[in-house]
C-alpha cells in the first residue's frame, strides 16, 4: 500500500527545520519524525529572511519564473499570502504551525 505523508510538504515545517535544525514537541510533524537532538550540521541554521527568500524569489528563479512570481512588484502576478502574525519575529520553534489568514492569486482574494 502506498502511503504519502503530506505534512512534510508544509513550507513552514521546512522553514522551522531550516532555522532550528530541530524537530521537537513544538514542531508540527508526525511523532516518528521528532528527535531529541539537532539535525546535523547544526551550524547550517538559516535566518527567517534567508528561508523566506528561499521559498519565494529564489524558488522562482530556480523554476525560471522570476519575471512573474517570487516577489511583489508591478507587472508580476500578485500571488501572495497575508498572515495575522509577523513571520519575521515569530517563534522559531513551532514555526510549522503558521497558516496564512488570507490567500491571493492574481490579486484576487481566495475564499
PDB file of N, CA and C in Angstrom:
ATOM      1  N   UNK A   1       0.840  -1.179   0.000  1.00  0.00           N
ATOM      2  CA  UNK A   1       0.000   0.000   0.000  1.00  0.00           C
ATOM      3  C   UNK A   1       0.888   1.246   0.000  1.00  0.00           C
ATOM      4  N   UNK A   2       0.551   2.215  -0.839  1.00  0.00           N
ATOM      5  CA  UNK A   2       1.305   3.454  -0.934  1.00  0.00           C
ATOM      6  C   UNK A   2       0.796   4.425   0.122  1.00  0.00           C
ATOM      7  N   UNK A   3       1.708   5.013   0.876  1.00  0.00           N
ATOM      8  CA  UNK A   3       1.345   5.986   1.904  1.00  0.00           C
ATOM      9  C   UNK A   3       2.150   7.254   1.678  1.00  0.00           C
ATOM     10  N   UNK A   4       1.489   8.372   1.612  1.00  0.00           N
ATOM     11  CA  UNK A   4       2.155   9.661   1.443  1.00  0.00           C
ATOM     12  C   UNK A   4       1.827  10.538   2.642  1.00  0.00           C
ATOM     13  N   UNK A   5       2.844  11.060   3.280  1.00  0.00           N
ATOM     14  CA  UNK A   5       2.666  11.953   4.413  1.00  0.00           C
ATOM     15  C   UNK A   5       2.760  13.391   3.909  1.00  0.00           C
ATOM     16  N   UNK A   6       1.624  14.026   3.674  1.00  0.00           N
ATOM     17  CA  UNK A   6       1.599  15.369   3.120  1.00  0.00           C
ATOM     18  C   UNK A   6       2.003  16.434   4.132  1.00  0.00           C
ATOM     19  N   UNK A   7       2.132  16.089   5.420  1.00  0.00           N
ATOM     20  CA  UNK A   7       2.574  17.089   6.383  1.00  0.00           C
ATOM     21  C   UNK A   7       3.990  17.550   6.082  1.00  0.00           C
ATOM     22  N   UNK A   8       4.789  16.714   5.429  1.00  0.00           N
ATOM     23  CA  UNK A   8       6.160  17.105   5.095  1.00  0.00           C
ATOM     24  C   UNK A   8       6.192  18.111   3.954  1.00  0.00           C
ATOM     25  N   UNK A   9       5.070  18.356   3.280  1.00  0.00           N
ATOM     26  CA  UNK A   9       5.003  19.328   2.198  1.00  0.00           C
ATOM     27  C   UNK A   9       4.760  20.742   2.733  1.00  0.00           C
ATOM     28  N   UNK A  10       4.591  20.897   4.013  1.00  0.00           N
ATOM     29  CA  UNK A  10       4.312  22.178   4.648  1.00  0.00           C
ATOM     30  C   UNK A  10       5.556  23.066   4.566  1.00  0.00           C
ATOM     31  N   UNK A  11       5.517  24.193   3.840  1.00  0.00           N
ATOM     32  CA  UNK A  11       6.711  25.041   3.753  1.00  0.00           C
ATOM     33  C   UNK A  11       7.132  25.605   5.101  1.00  0.00           C
ATOM     34  N   UNK A  12       6.207  25.776   6.021  1.00  0.00           N
ATOM     35  CA  UNK A  12       6.539  26.310   7.339  1.00  0.00           C
ATOM     36  C   UNK A  12       7.312  25.282   8.161  1.00  0.00           C
ATOM     37  N   UNK A  13       7.065  24.001   7.917  1.00  0.00           N
ATOM     38  CA  UNK A  13       7.862  22.941   8.538  1.00  0.00           C
ATOM     39  C   UNK A  13       9.289  23.013   8.000  1.00  0.00           C
ATOM     40  N   UNK A  14       9.438  23.164   6.691  1.00  0.00           N
ATOM     41  CA  UNK A  14      10.771  23.295   6.104  1.00  0.00           C
ATOM     42  C   UNK A  14      11.512  24.497   6.650  1.00  0.00           C
ATOM     43  N   UNK A  15      10.793  25.603   6.828  1.00  0.00           N
ATOM     44  CA  UNK A  15      11.419  26.802   7.378  1.00  0.00           C
ATOM     45  C   UNK A  15      11.830  26.591   8.829  1.00  0.00           C
ATOM     46  N   UNK A  16      10.967  25.945   9.606  1.00  0.00           N
ATOM     47  CA  UNK A  16      11.299  25.695  11.016  1.00  0.00           C
ATOM     48  C   UNK A  16      12.550  24.839  11.128  1.00  0.00           C
ATOM     49  N   UNK A  17      12.618  23.760  10.364  1.00  0.00           N
ATOM     50  CA  UNK A  17      13.792  22.884  10.420  1.00  0.00           C
ATOM     51  C   UNK A  17      15.029  23.626   9.921  1.00  0.00           C
ATOM     52  N   UNK A  18      14.872  24.447   8.881  1.00  0.00           N
ATOM     53  CA  UNK A  18      15.998  25.220   8.375  1.00  0.00           C
ATOM     54  C   UNK A  18      16.525  26.233   9.380  1.00  0.00           C
ATOM     55  N   UNK A  19      15.626  26.818  10.163  1.00  0.00           N
ATOM     56  CA  UNK A  19      16.039  27.829  11.144  1.00  0.00           C
ATOM     57  C   UNK A  19      16.558  27.222  12.441  1.00  0.00           C
ATOM     58  N   UNK A  20      16.007  26.059  12.833  1.00  0.00           N
ATOM     59  CA  UNK A  20      16.349  25.487  14.141  1.00  0.00           C
ATOM     60  C   UNK A  20      17.198  24.223  14.041  1.00  0.00           C
ATOM     61  N   UNK A  21      17.131  23.523  12.884  1.00  0.00           N
ATOM     62  CA  UNK A  21      17.768  22.215  12.693  1.00  0.00           C
ATOM     63  C   UNK A  21      17.236  21.222  13.734  1.00  0.00           C
ATOM     64  N   UNK A  22      15.931  21.359  14.048  1.00  0.00           N
ATOM     65  CA  UNK A  22      15.341  20.585  15.136  1.00  0.00           C
ATOM     66  C   UNK A  22      13.891  20.259  14.804  1.00  0.00           C
ATOM     67  N   UNK A  23      13.423  19.100  15.207  1.00  0.00           N
ATOM     68  CA  UNK A  23      12.001  18.746  15.170  1.00  0.00           C
ATOM     69  C   UNK A  23      11.658  18.218  16.555  1.00  0.00           C
ATOM     70  N   UNK A  24      10.999  19.050  17.349  1.00  0.00           N
ATOM     71  CA  UNK A  24      10.717  18.666  18.731  1.00  0.00           C
ATOM     72  C   UNK A  24       9.218  18.684  19.004  1.00  0.00           C
ATOM     73  N   UNK A  25       8.848  18.722  20.275  1.00  0.00           N
ATOM     74  CA  UNK A  25       7.428  18.653  20.649  1.00  0.00           C
ATOM     75  C   UNK A  25       6.614  19.839  20.139  1.00  0.00           C
ATOM     76  N   UNK A  26       7.247  20.960  19.823  1.00  0.00           N
ATOM     77  CA  UNK A  26       6.535  22.118  19.290  1.00  0.00           C
ATOM     78  C   UNK A  26       6.346  22.044  17.772  1.00  0.00           C
ATOM     79  N   UNK A  27       7.052  21.141  17.116  1.00  0.00           N
ATOM     80  CA  UNK A  27       7.055  21.054  15.664  1.00  0.00           C
ATOM     81  C   UNK A  27       5.817  20.327  15.159  1.00  0.00           C
ATOM     82  N   UNK A  28       5.206  20.877  14.123  1.00  0.00           N
ATOM     83  CA  UNK A  28       4.034  20.247  13.510  1.00  0.00           C
ATOM     84  C   UNK A  28       4.516  19.172  12.534  1.00  0.00           C
ATOM     85  N   UNK A  29       4.755  17.992  13.068  1.00  0.00           N
ATOM     86  CA  UNK A  29       5.167  16.848  12.257  1.00  0.00           C
ATOM     87  C   UNK A  29       4.754  15.581  12.979  1.00  0.00           C
ATOM     88  N   UNK A  30       4.839  14.475  12.291  1.00  0.00           N
ATOM     89  CA  UNK A  30       4.465  13.201  12.891  1.00  0.00           C
ATOM     90  C   UNK A  30       5.453  12.828  13.992  1.00  0.00           C
ATOM     91  N   UNK A  31       4.969  12.082  14.977  1.00  0.00           N
ATOM     92  CA  UNK A  31       5.789  11.744  16.147  1.00  0.00           C
ATOM     93  C   UNK A  31       7.092  11.055  15.759  1.00  0.00           C
ATOM     94  N   UNK A  32       7.067  10.170  14.746  1.00  0.00           N
ATOM     95  CA  UNK A  32       8.283   9.447  14.385  1.00  0.00           C
ATOM     96  C   UNK A  32       9.348  10.357  13.772  1.00  0.00           C
ATOM     97  N   UNK A  33       8.963  11.560  13.347  1.00  0.00           N
ATOM     98  CA  UNK A  33       9.906  12.487  12.728  1.00  0.00           C
ATOM     99  C   UNK A  33      10.577  13.408  13.741  1.00  0.00           C
ATOM    100  N   UNK A  34      10.187  13.309  15.007  1.00  0.00           N
ATOM    101  CA  UNK A  34      10.736  14.195  16.035  1.00  0.00           C
ATOM    102  C   UNK A  34      11.971  13.551  16.665  1.00  0.00           C
ATOM    103  N   UNK A  35      12.960  14.386  17.001  1.00  0.00           N
ATOM    104  CA  UNK A  35      14.220  13.890  17.519  1.00  0.00           C
ATOM    105  C   UNK A  35      14.581  14.612  18.803  1.00  0.00           C
ATOM    106  N   UNK A  36      15.496  14.024  19.559  1.00  0.00           N
ATOM    107  CA  UNK A  36      15.970  14.606  20.806  1.00  0.00           C
ATOM    108  C   UNK A  36      17.215  15.454  20.612  1.00  0.00           C
ATOM    109  N   UNK A  37      17.613  15.686  19.375  1.00  0.00           N
ATOM    110  CA  UNK A  37      18.818  16.464  19.098  1.00  0.00           C
ATOM    111  C   UNK A  37      18.655  17.203  17.780  1.00  0.00           C
ATOM    112  N   UNK A  38      19.553  18.169  17.545  1.00  0.00           N
ATOM    113  CA  UNK A  38      19.516  18.915  16.297  1.00  0.00           C
ATOM    114  C   UNK A  38      19.915  18.017  15.129  1.00  0.00           C
ATOM    115  N   UNK A  39      19.348  18.342  13.955  1.00  0.00           N
ATOM    116  CA  UNK A  39      19.796  17.684  12.741  1.00  0.00           C
ATOM    117  C   UNK A  39      21.194  18.195  12.417  1.00  0.00           C
ATOM    118  N   UNK A  40      22.094  17.323  12.046  1.00  0.00           N
ATOM    119  CA  UNK A  40      23.413  17.804  11.660  1.00  0.00           C
ATOM    120  C   UNK A  40      23.373  18.369  10.235  1.00  0.00           C
ATOM    121  N   UNK A  41      24.240  19.265   9.884  1.00  0.00           N
ATOM    122  CA  UNK A  41      25.124  20.021  10.761  1.00  0.00           C
ATOM    123  C   UNK A  41      24.408  21.222  11.360  1.00  0.00           C
ATOM    124  N   UNK A  42      24.462  21.337  12.656  1.00  0.00           N
ATOM    125  CA  UNK A  42      23.749  22.385  13.390  1.00  0.00           C
ATOM    126  C   UNK A  42      24.195  23.781  12.979  1.00  0.00           C
ATOM    127  N   UNK A  43      25.430  23.930  12.538  1.00  0.00           N
ATOM    128  CA  UNK A  43      25.930  25.257  12.169  1.00  0.00           C
ATOM    129  C   UNK A  43      25.339  25.772  10.857  1.00  0.00           C
ATOM    130  N   UNK A  44      24.507  24.984  10.196  1.00  0.00           N
ATOM    131  CA  UNK A  44      23.890  25.416   8.943  1.00  0.00           C
ATOM    132  C   UNK A  44      22.495  26.020   9.131  1.00  0.00           C
ATOM    133  N   UNK A  45      22.178  26.462  10.331  1.00  0.00           N
ATOM    134  CA  UNK A  45      20.903  27.140  10.574  1.00  0.00           C
ATOM    135  C   UNK A  45      20.824  28.387   9.700  1.00  0.00           C
ATOM    136  N   UNK A  46      19.623  28.691   9.245  1.00  0.00           N
ATOM    137  CA  UNK A  46      19.416  29.868   8.409  1.00  0.00           C
ATOM    138  C   UNK A  46      18.485  30.840   9.117  1.00  0.00           C
ATOM    139  N   UNK A  47      18.522  32.088   8.721  1.00  0.00           N
ATOM    140  CA  UNK A  47      17.638  33.100   9.299  1.00  0.00           C
ATOM    141  C   UNK A  47      16.266  33.025   8.634  1.00  0.00           C
ATOM    142  N   UNK A  48      15.288  33.644   9.247  1.00  0.00           N
ATOM    143  CA  UNK A  48      13.949  33.691   8.653  1.00  0.00           C
ATOM    144  C   UNK A  48      13.998  34.421   7.312  1.00  0.00           C
ATOM    145  N   UNK A  49      14.815  35.449   7.216  1.00  0.00           N
ATOM    146  CA  UNK A  49      14.931  36.175   5.946  1.00  0.00           C
ATOM    147  C   UNK A  49      15.460  35.258   4.840  1.00  0.00           C
ATOM    148  N   UNK A  50      16.470  34.447   5.161  1.00  0.00           N
ATOM    149  CA  UNK A  50      17.016  33.506   4.176  1.00  0.00           C
ATOM    150  C   UNK A  50      15.975  32.455   3.787  1.00  0.00           C
ATOM    151  N   UNK A  51      15.214  31.987   4.764  1.00  0.00           N
ATOM    152  CA  UNK A  51      14.197  30.967   4.484  1.00  0.00           C
ATOM    153  C   UNK A  51      13.092  31.545   3.603  1.00  0.00           C
ATOM    154  N   UNK A  52      12.628  32.751   3.908  1.00  0.00           N
ATOM    155  CA  UNK A  52      11.579  33.370   3.097  1.00  0.00           C
ATOM    156  C   UNK A  52      12.054  33.619   1.669  1.00  0.00           C
ATOM    157  N   UNK A  53      13.283  34.059   1.506  1.00  0.00           N
ATOM    158  CA  UNK A  53      13.823  34.253   0.158  1.00  0.00           C
ATOM    159  C   UNK A  53      13.914  32.920  -0.580  1.00  0.00           C
ATOM    160  N   UNK A  54      14.291  31.880   0.128  1.00  0.00           N
ATOM    161  CA  UNK A  54      14.387  30.557  -0.480  1.00  0.00           C
ATOM    162  C   UNK A  54      13.048  30.038  -0.977  1.00  0.00           C
ATOM    163  N   UNK A  55      11.995  30.327  -0.235  1.00  0.00           N
ATOM    164  CA  UNK A  55      10.661  29.847  -0.605  1.00  0.00           C
ATOM    165  C   UNK A  55       9.917  30.806  -1.535  1.00  0.00           C
ATOM    166  N   UNK A  56      10.504  31.976  -1.829  1.00  0.00           N
ATOM    167  CA  UNK A  56       9.820  32.944  -2.696  1.00  0.00           C
ATOM    168  C   UNK A  56      10.679  33.232  -3.922  1.00  0.00           C
ATOM    169  N   UNK A  57      11.439  34.308  -3.903  1.00  0.00           N
ATOM    170  CA  UNK A  57      12.160  34.734  -5.100  1.00  0.00           C
ATOM    171  C   UNK A  57      13.202  33.714  -5.549  1.00  0.00           C
ATOM    172  N   UNK A  58      13.949  33.115  -4.626  1.00  0.00           N
ATOM    173  CA  UNK A  58      14.963  32.144  -5.053  1.00  0.00           C
ATOM    174  C   UNK A  58      14.327  30.895  -5.653  1.00  0.00           C
ATOM    175  N   UNK A  59      13.177  30.481  -5.120  1.00  0.00           N
ATOM    176  CA  UNK A  59      12.443  29.359  -5.715  1.00  0.00           C
ATOM    177  C   UNK A  59      11.953  29.701  -7.109  1.00  0.00           C
ATOM    178  N   UNK A  60      11.463  30.918  -7.287  1.00  0.00           N
ATOM    179  CA  UNK A  60      11.000  31.361  -8.609  1.00  0.00           C
ATOM    180  C   UNK A  60      12.156  31.398  -9.601  1.00  0.00           C
ATOM    181  N   UNK A  61      13.319  31.846  -9.143  1.00  0.00           N
ATOM    182  CA  UNK A  61      14.500  31.880 -10.016  1.00  0.00           C
ATOM    183  C   UNK A  61      14.878  30.463 -10.444  1.00  0.00           C
ATOM    184  N   UNK A  62      14.871  29.515  -9.512  1.00  0.00           N
ATOM    185  CA  UNK A  62      15.201  28.125  -9.844  1.00  0.00           C
ATOM    186  C   UNK A  62      14.239  27.553 -10.874  1.00  0.00           C
ATOM    187  N   UNK A  63      12.981  27.968 -10.824  1.00  0.00           N
ATOM    188  CA  UNK A  63      11.972  27.486 -11.768  1.00  0.00           C
ATOM    189  C   UNK A  63      11.924  28.311 -13.052  1.00  0.00           C
ATOM    190  N   UNK A  64      12.683  29.401 -13.106  1.00  0.00           N
ATOM    191  CA  UNK A  64      12.706  30.243 -14.290  1.00  0.00           C
ATOM    192  C   UNK A  64      11.454  31.082 -14.482  1.00  0.00           C
ATOM    193  N   UNK A  65      10.752  31.393 -13.386  1.00  0.00           N
ATOM    194  CA  UNK A  65       9.514  32.175 -13.469  1.00  0.00           C
ATOM    195  C   UNK A  65       9.606  33.482 -12.681  1.00  0.00           C
ATOM    196  N   UNK A  66      10.832  33.935 -12.407  1.00  0.00           N
ATOM    197  CA  UNK A  66      11.019  35.128 -11.583  1.00  0.00           C
ATOM    198  C   UNK A  66      10.484  36.392 -12.227  1.00  0.00           C
ATOM    199  N   UNK A  67      10.196  36.360 -13.527  1.00  0.00           N
ATOM    200  CA  UNK A  67       9.615  37.537 -14.173  1.00  0.00           C
ATOM    201  C   UNK A  67       8.148  37.712 -13.802  1.00  0.00           C
ATOM    202  N   UNK A  68       7.493  36.654 -13.276  1.00  0.00           N
ATOM    203  CA  UNK A  68       6.079  36.719 -12.902  1.00  0.00           C
ATOM    204  C   UNK A  68       5.799  36.338 -11.446  1.00  0.00           C
ATOM    205  N   UNK A  69       6.723  35.638 -10.806  1.00  0.00           N
ATOM    206  CA  UNK A  69       6.489  35.094  -9.456  1.00  0.00           C
ATOM    207  C   UNK A  69       7.643  35.425  -8.525  1.00  0.00           C
ATOM    208  N   UNK A  70       7.463  35.209  -7.234  1.00  0.00           N
ATOM    209  CA  UNK A  70       8.550  35.248  -6.275  1.00  0.00           C
ATOM    210  C   UNK A  70       8.721  36.529  -5.504  1.00  0.00           C
ATOM    211  N   UNK A  71       8.141  37.629  -5.967  1.00  0.00           N
ATOM    212  CA  UNK A  71       8.219  38.898  -5.242  1.00  0.00           C
ATOM    213  C   UNK A  71       7.027  39.758  -5.648  1.00  0.00           C
ATOM    214  N   UNK A  72       6.760  40.763  -4.851  1.00  0.00           N
ATOM    215  CA  UNK A  72       5.648  41.661  -5.139  1.00  0.00           C
ATOM    216  C   UNK A  72       6.214  42.889  -5.853  1.00  0.00           C
ATOM    217  N   UNK A  73       5.942  42.961  -7.145  1.00  0.00           N
ATOM    218  CA  UNK A  73       6.426  44.059  -7.980  1.00  0.00           C
ATOM    219  C   UNK A  73       5.393  44.330  -9.068  1.00  0.00           C
ATOM    220  N   UNK A  74       5.390  45.563  -9.581  1.00  0.00           N
ATOM    221  CA  UNK A  74       4.495  45.914 -10.689  1.00  0.00           C
ATOM    222  C   UNK A  74       4.763  44.979 -11.861  1.00  0.00           C
ATOM    223  N   UNK A  75       3.688  44.464 -12.447  1.00  0.00           N
ATOM    224  CA  UNK A  75       3.794  43.579 -13.591  1.00  0.00           C
ATOM    225  C   UNK A  75       3.846  42.104 -13.259  1.00  0.00           C
ATOM    226  N   UNK A  76       4.000  41.768 -11.971  1.00  0.00           N
ATOM    227  CA  UNK A  76       4.014  40.360 -11.573  1.00  0.00           C
ATOM    228  C   UNK A  76       2.592  39.901 -11.250  1.00  0.00           C
ATOM    229  N   UNK A  77       2.412  38.609 -11.001  1.00  0.00           N
ATOM    230  CA  UNK A  77       1.094  38.000 -10.877  1.00  0.00           C
ATOM    231  C   UNK A  77       0.296  38.368  -9.632  1.00  0.00           C
ATOM    232  N   UNK A  78       0.881  38.972  -8.640  1.00  0.00           N
ATOM    233  CA  UNK A  78       0.197  39.339  -7.387  1.00  0.00           C
ATOM    234  C   UNK A  78      -0.376  38.121  -6.677  1.00  0.00           C
ATOM    235  N   UNK A  79       0.440  37.064  -6.581  1.00  0.00           N
ATOM    236  CA  UNK A  79       0.121  35.889  -5.764  1.00  0.00           C
ATOM    237  C   UNK A  79       0.840  36.088  -4.434  1.00  0.00           C
ATOM    238  N   UNK A  80       0.090  36.159  -3.328  1.00  0.00           N
ATOM    239  CA  UNK A  80       0.727  36.382  -2.038  1.00  0.00           C
ATOM    240  C   UNK A  80      -0.166  35.909  -0.908  1.00  0.00           C
ATOM    241  N   UNK A  81       0.432  35.789   0.274  1.00  0.00           N
ATOM    242  CA  UNK A  81      -0.254  35.364   1.489  1.00  0.00           C
ATOM    243  C   UNK A  81      -0.226  36.494   2.503  1.00  0.00           C
ATOM    244  N   UNK A  82      -1.265  36.567   3.325  1.00  0.00           N
ATOM    245  CA  UNK A  82      -1.328  37.529   4.426  1.00  0.00           C
ATOM    246  C   UNK A  82      -1.437  36.719   5.716  1.00  0.00           C
ATOM    247  N   UNK A  83      -0.598  37.061   6.678  1.00  0.00           N
ATOM    248  CA  UNK A  83      -0.604  36.363   7.966  1.00  0.00           C
ATOM    249  C   UNK A  83      -1.102  37.306   9.045  1.00  0.00           C
ATOM    250  N   UNK A  84      -1.667  36.749  10.109  1.00  0.00           N
ATOM    251  CA  UNK A  84      -2.114  37.585  11.214  1.00  0.00           C
ATOM    252  C   UNK A  84      -1.022  37.758  12.260  1.00  0.00           C
ATOM    253  N   UNK A  85       0.165  37.232  11.965  1.00  0.00           N
ATOM    254  CA  UNK A  85       1.326  37.455  12.823  1.00  0.00           C
ATOM    255  C   UNK A  85       2.522  37.811  11.941  1.00  0.00           C
ATOM    256  N   UNK A  86       3.548  38.361  12.543  1.00  0.00           N
ATOM    257  CA  UNK A  86       4.745  38.779  11.825  1.00  0.00           C
ATOM    258  C   UNK A  86       5.714  37.604  11.755  1.00  0.00           C
ATOM    259  N   UNK A  87       5.895  37.040  10.562  1.00  0.00           N
ATOM    260  CA  UNK A  87       6.780  35.888  10.415  1.00  0.00           C
ATOM    261  C   UNK A  87       8.234  36.228  10.744  1.00  0.00           C
ATOM    262  N   UNK A  88       8.606  37.480  10.590  1.00  0.00           N
ATOM    263  CA  UNK A  88       9.989  37.878  10.865  1.00  0.00           C
ATOM    264  C   UNK A  88      10.325  37.845  12.356  1.00  0.00           C
ATOM    265  N   UNK A  89       9.299  37.934  13.195  1.00  0.00           N
ATOM    266  CA  UNK A  89       9.541  37.902  14.638  1.00  0.00           C
ATOM    267  C   UNK A  89       8.883  36.698  15.319  1.00  0.00           C
ATOM    268  N   UNK A  90       8.290  35.814  14.542  1.00  0.00           N
ATOM    269  CA  UNK A  90       7.605  34.638  15.099  1.00  0.00           C
ATOM    270  C   UNK A  90       8.607  33.693  15.763  1.00  0.00           C
ATOM    271  N   UNK A  91       8.153  32.986  16.765  1.00  0.00           N
ATOM    272  CA  UNK A  91       8.970  31.988  17.451  1.00  0.00           C
ATOM    273  C   UNK A  91       9.437  30.939  16.439  1.00  0.00           C
ATOM    274  N   UNK A  92      10.714  30.613  16.458  1.00  0.00           N
ATOM    275  CA  UNK A  92      11.265  29.649  15.502  1.00  0.00           C
ATOM    276  C   UNK A  92      10.811  28.226  15.802  1.00  0.00           C
ATOM    277  N   UNK A  93      10.855  27.843  17.090  1.00  0.00           N
ATOM    278  CA  UNK A  93      10.367  26.507  17.468  1.00  0.00           C
ATOM    279  C   UNK A  93       8.847  26.563  17.472  1.00  0.00           C
ATOM    280  N   UNK A  94       8.221  25.789  16.616  1.00  0.00           N
ATOM    281  CA  UNK A  94       6.774  25.833  16.453  1.00  0.00           C
ATOM    282  C   UNK A  94       6.359  26.637  15.236  1.00  0.00           C
ATOM    283  N   UNK A  95       7.331  27.145  14.463  1.00  0.00           N
ATOM    284  CA  UNK A  95       7.046  27.935  13.263  1.00  0.00           C
ATOM    285  C   UNK A  95       6.174  27.155  12.281  1.00  0.00           C
ATOM    286  N   UNK A  96       6.257  25.833  12.322  1.00  0.00           N
ATOM    287  CA  UNK A  96       5.498  24.977  11.400  1.00  0.00           C
ATOM    288  C   UNK A  96       3.993  25.058  11.611  1.00  0.00           C
ATOM    289  N   UNK A  97       3.540  25.692  12.671  1.00  0.00           N
ATOM    290  CA  UNK A  97       2.100  25.839  12.926  1.00  0.00           C
ATOM    291  C   UNK A  97       1.506  27.086  12.268  1.00  0.00           C
ATOM    292  N   UNK A  98       2.341  27.919  11.647  1.00  0.00           N
ATOM    293  CA  UNK A  98       1.831  29.117  10.967  1.00  0.00           C
ATOM    294  C   UNK A  98       0.924  28.728   9.805  1.00  0.00           C
ATOM    295  N   UNK A  99      -0.108  29.509   9.610  1.00  0.00           N
ATOM    296  CA  UNK A  99      -1.016  29.344   8.474  1.00  0.00           C
ATOM    297  C   UNK A  99      -1.410  30.734   7.992  1.00  0.00           C
ATOM    298  N   UNK A 100      -1.559  30.888   6.678  1.00  0.00           N
ATOM    299  CA  UNK A 100      -1.978  32.207   6.192  1.00  0.00           C
ATOM    300  C   UNK A 100      -3.421  32.511   6.587  1.00  0.00           C
ATOM    301  N   UNK A 101      -3.682  33.774   6.901  1.00  0.00           N
ATOM    302  CA  UNK A 101      -5.038  34.221   7.202  1.00  0.00           C
ATOM    303  C   UNK A 101      -5.805  34.496   5.904  1.00  0.00           C
ATOM    304  N   UNK A 102      -5.062  34.933   4.865  1.00  0.00           N
ATOM    305  CA  UNK A 102      -5.674  35.218   3.564  1.00  0.00           C
ATOM    306  C   UNK A 102      -4.724  34.765   2.459  1.00  0.00           C
ATOM    307  N   UNK A 103      -5.305  34.344   1.340  1.00  0.00           N
ATOM    308  CA  UNK A 103      -4.541  33.899   0.172  1.00  0.00           C
ATOM    309  C   UNK A 103      -5.033  34.676  -1.041  1.00  0.00           C
ATOM    310  N   UNK A 104      -4.088  35.208  -1.820  1.00  0.00           N
ATOM    311  CA  UNK A 104      -4.415  35.965  -3.031  1.00  0.00           C
ATOM    312  C   UNK A 104      -3.732  35.340  -4.237  1.00  0.00           C
ATOM    313  N   UNK A 105      -4.481  35.151  -5.317  1.00  0.00           N
ATOM    314  CA  UNK A 105      -3.940  34.705  -6.610  1.00  0.00           C
ATOM    315  C   UNK A 105      -4.350  35.721  -7.639  1.00  0.00           C
ATOM    316  N   UNK A 106      -3.392  36.211  -8.388  1.00  0.00           N
ATOM    317  CA  UNK A 106      -3.684  37.215  -9.387  1.00  0.00           C
ATOM    318  C   UNK A 106      -4.313  38.461  -8.789  1.00  0.00           C
ATOM    319  N   UNK A 107      -3.981  38.760  -7.546  1.00  0.00           N
ATOM    320  CA  UNK A 107      -4.531  39.926  -6.872  1.00  0.00           C
ATOM    321  C   UNK A 107      -5.925  39.733  -6.330  1.00  0.00           C
ATOM    322  N   UNK A 108      -6.499  38.538  -6.510  1.00  0.00           N
ATOM    323  CA  UNK A 108      -7.870  38.273  -6.040  1.00  0.00           C
ATOM    324  C   UNK A 108      -7.827  37.377  -4.806  1.00  0.00           C
ATOM    325  N   UNK A 109      -8.586  37.779  -3.784  1.00  0.00           N
ATOM    326  CA  UNK A 109      -8.662  37.014  -2.555  1.00  0.00           C
ATOM    327  C   UNK A 109      -9.411  35.713  -2.797  1.00  0.00           C
ATOM    328  N   UNK A 110      -8.797  34.608  -2.350  1.00  0.00           N
ATOM    329  CA  UNK A 110      -9.438  33.295  -2.458  1.00  0.00           C
ATOM    330  C   UNK A 110     -10.260  33.038  -1.192  1.00  0.00           C
ATOM    331  N   UNK A 111     -11.380  32.417  -1.340  1.00  0.00           N
ATOM    332  CA  UNK A 111     -12.240  32.102  -0.185  1.00  0.00           C
ATOM    333  C   UNK A 111     -11.934  30.738   0.382  1.00  0.00           C
TER     334      UNK A 111
END
